Amino acid sequence: MTGDEASVDDEPSVDPDAETEGLENGDDDGVGTIENPTADTALERVRANPRLRQGALVVAVAVGITLTWLHWLGLLVGGALVGLVSKTLPGAVGAGAGFGLLVLLVFALTLGGSVWPVLEMTPVSYLVVAAALGIPMLGSLVRGVF
């Protein structure tokens, strides 16, 4: 054999089980954490970094309130946005409820002196509170998918 030719014996042996052993045991789920600083997507990087998550949450709330001001479907979109940046599904549902409470507060502030007459319209005010809490919580369930 000449020096230009490579033999089959010169190739390094590859252990096929060595590369996938951690994946088969469920050790690497692709989410960036302290143990696994590499994240697969930008959304996972945001969820893993508390500072980025807080910034994304502020942006999500601002976008959600703006969309809610334009149409009631903004409640659903706002809940989905705050849910997407949450670390866990229960945290996402809690963030959706918090977003709904914030929307109720902004709504009450825009009513000005008309708050008490609106509160006296009990069937309608129950519907407003239920929608403001329920719709964002429904939207936040998108966290269970992504």
Protein backbone atom coordinates (compact mmCIF):
# COMPACT_ATOMS: atom_id res chain seq x y z
CA MET A 1 0.00 0.00 0.00
CA THR A 2 1.33 3.48 -0.83
CA GLY A 3 1.21 6.56 1.41
CA ASP A 4 -1.48 8.19 -0.75
CA GLU A 5 -4.01 5.45 -0.17
CA ALA A 6 -6.04 5.32 3.02
CA SER A 7 -6.95 1.97 4.42
CA VAL A 8 -10.18 1.04 6.12
CA ASP A 9 -8.26 0.29 9.30
CA ASP A 10 -7.04 3.92 9.57
CA GLU A 11 -10.58 5.31 10.05
CA PRO A 12 -11.55 5.94 13.67
CA SER A 13 -14.21 3.66 15.01
CA VAL A 14 -17.49 5.29 15.94
CA ASP A 15 -19.61 3.99 18.78
CA PRO A 16 -23.23 4.42 17.60
CA ASP A 17 -24.56 4.24 21.16
CA ALA A 18 -22.30 7.02 22.45
CA GLU A 19 -24.03 9.81 20.50
CA THR A 20 -27.63 8.94 21.36
CA GLU A 21 -27.30 7.52 24.86
CA GLY A 22 -28.34 10.75 26.59
CA LEU A 23 -31.23 11.30 24.21
CA GLU A 24 -32.61 7.80 24.74
CA ASN A 25 -32.58 8.31 28.51
CA GLY A 26 -34.39 11.63 28.14
CA ASP A 27 -31.47 13.64 29.53
CA ASP A 28 -31.44 16.29 26.80
CA ASP A 29 -34.81 17.84 26.04
CA GLY A 30 -33.40 20.78 24.09
CA VAL A 31 -34.49 23.41 26.62
CA GLY A 32 -31.79 25.80 27.72
CA THR A 33 -31.30 25.59 31.47
CA ILE A 34 -28.38 25.96 33.82
CA GLU A 35 -27.50 22.34 33.18
CA ASN A 36 -27.97 22.70 29.42
CA PRO A 37 -27.09 26.27 28.37
CA THR A 38 -27.70 25.57 24.70
CA ALA A 39 -31.28 26.07 23.60
CA ASP A 40 -32.73 25.00 20.29
CA THR A 41 -34.94 28.01 19.56
CA ALA A 42 -35.11 31.68 20.43
CA LEU A 43 -38.27 31.02 22.47
CA GLU A 44 -36.44 28.45 24.59
CA ARG A 45 -33.58 30.92 25.14
CA VAL A 46 -36.09 33.53 26.31
CA ARG A 47 -37.68 31.06 28.72
CA ALA A 48 -34.28 30.01 30.10
CA ASN A 49 -32.97 33.53 30.76
CA PRO A 50 -34.91 35.43 33.48
CA ARG A 51 -33.92 38.86 32.16
CA LEU A 52 -34.99 38.06 28.61
CA ARG A 53 -38.21 36.49 29.91
CA GLN A 54 -39.10 39.63 31.86
CA GLY A 55 -38.45 41.83 28.85
CA ALA A 56 -40.49 39.56 26.60
CA LEU A 57 -43.30 39.55 29.16
CA VAL A 58 -43.43 43.36 29.19
CA VAL A 59 -43.55 43.42 25.38
CA ALA A 60 -46.24 40.70 25.34
CA VAL A 61 -48.39 42.61 27.83
CA ALA A 62 -48.00 45.87 25.88
CA VAL A 63 -48.93 44.19 22.59
CA GLY A 64 -51.82 42.34 24.23
CA ILE A 65 -53.30 45.46 25.83
CA THR A 66 -52.96 47.37 22.57
CA LEU A 67 -54.73 44.63 20.65
CA THR A 68 -57.40 44.33 23.35
CA TRP A 69 -58.05 48.05 23.02
CA LEU A 70 -58.82 47.45 19.34
CA HIS A 71 -60.79 44.19 19.57
CA TRP A 72 -61.76 41.62 22.20
CA LEU A 73 -59.68 38.95 20.43
CA GLY A 74 -56.70 40.86 21.80
CA LEU A 75 -57.50 39.11 25.10
CA LEU A 76 -56.84 35.77 23.44
CA VAL A 77 -53.69 36.97 21.68
CA GLY A 78 -52.38 38.68 24.82
CA GLY A 79 -52.96 35.54 26.86
CA ALA A 80 -51.17 33.47 24.24
CA LEU A 81 -48.21 35.86 24.17
CA VAL A 82 -47.72 35.90 27.93
CA GLY A 83 -48.20 32.14 27.97
CA LEU A 84 -45.55 31.55 25.32
CA VAL A 85 -42.81 33.26 27.33
CA SER A 86 -43.70 31.38 30.54
CA LYS A 87 -41.49 28.51 31.69
CA THR A 88 -44.28 26.06 32.56
CA LEU A 89 -47.92 25.50 31.67
CA PRO A 90 -49.22 26.35 35.17
CA GLY A 91 -47.10 29.50 35.08
CA ALA A 92 -48.58 30.34 31.70
CA VAL A 93 -52.14 30.01 33.00
CA GLY A 94 -51.24 32.21 35.96
CA ALA A 95 -49.70 34.77 33.62
CA GLY A 96 -52.88 34.69 31.53
CA ALA A 97 -54.96 35.36 34.64
CA GLY A 98 -52.63 38.20 35.62
CA PHE A 99 -52.95 39.67 32.13
CA GLY A 100 -56.73 39.49 32.44
CA LEU A 101 -56.65 41.28 35.80
CA LEU A 102 -54.46 43.98 34.29
CA VAL A 103 -56.91 44.41 31.42
CA LEU A 104 -59.76 44.74 33.95
CA LEU A 105 -57.79 47.40 35.83
CA VAL A 106 -57.11 49.36 32.64
CA PHE A 107 -60.80 49.05 31.71
CA ALA A 108 -61.88 50.33 35.12
CA LEU A 109 -59.48 53.27 34.85
CA THR A 110 -60.86 54.24 31.45
CA LEU A 111 -64.41 54.30 32.85
CA GLY A 112 -63.53 57.17 35.18
CA GLY A 113 -66.54 58.18 37.26
CA SER A 114 -68.78 55.62 35.61
CA VAL A 115 -67.28 52.67 37.53
CA TRP A 116 -70.09 52.37 40.08
CA PRO A 117 -72.98 52.47 37.56
CA VAL A 118 -71.18 49.80 35.52
CA LEU A 119 -70.70 47.61 38.61
CA GLU A 120 -74.42 47.90 39.37
CA MET A 121 -75.21 46.24 36.04
CA THR A 122 -74.54 42.88 37.64
CA PRO A 123 -75.22 40.37 34.85
CA VAL A 124 -73.18 42.37 32.37
CA SER A 125 -70.37 43.07 34.82
CA TYR A 126 -70.12 39.34 35.60
CA LEU A 127 -69.71 38.65 31.91
CA VAL A 128 -67.00 41.30 31.61
CA VAL A 129 -65.02 39.85 34.53
CA ALA A 130 -65.43 36.27 33.30
CA ALA A 131 -64.34 37.18 29.78
CA ALA A 132 -61.41 39.28 30.97
CA LEU A 133 -60.12 36.37 33.06
CA GLY A 134 -61.20 33.37 31.01
CA ILE A 135 -60.18 34.39 27.50
CA PRO A 136 -56.53 35.19 28.31
CA MET A 137 -56.28 31.98 30.35
CA LEU A 138 -57.60 30.08 27.35
CA GLY A 139 -55.03 31.77 25.12
CA SER A 140 -52.23 30.97 27.55
CA LEU A 141 -52.87 27.25 27.05
CA VAL A 142 -50.91 27.59 23.81
CA ARG A 143 -47.89 27.06 26.08
CA GLY A 144 -48.86 23.40 26.28
CA VAL A 145 -48.36 23.12 22.52
CA PHE A 146 -45.11 25.07 22.12
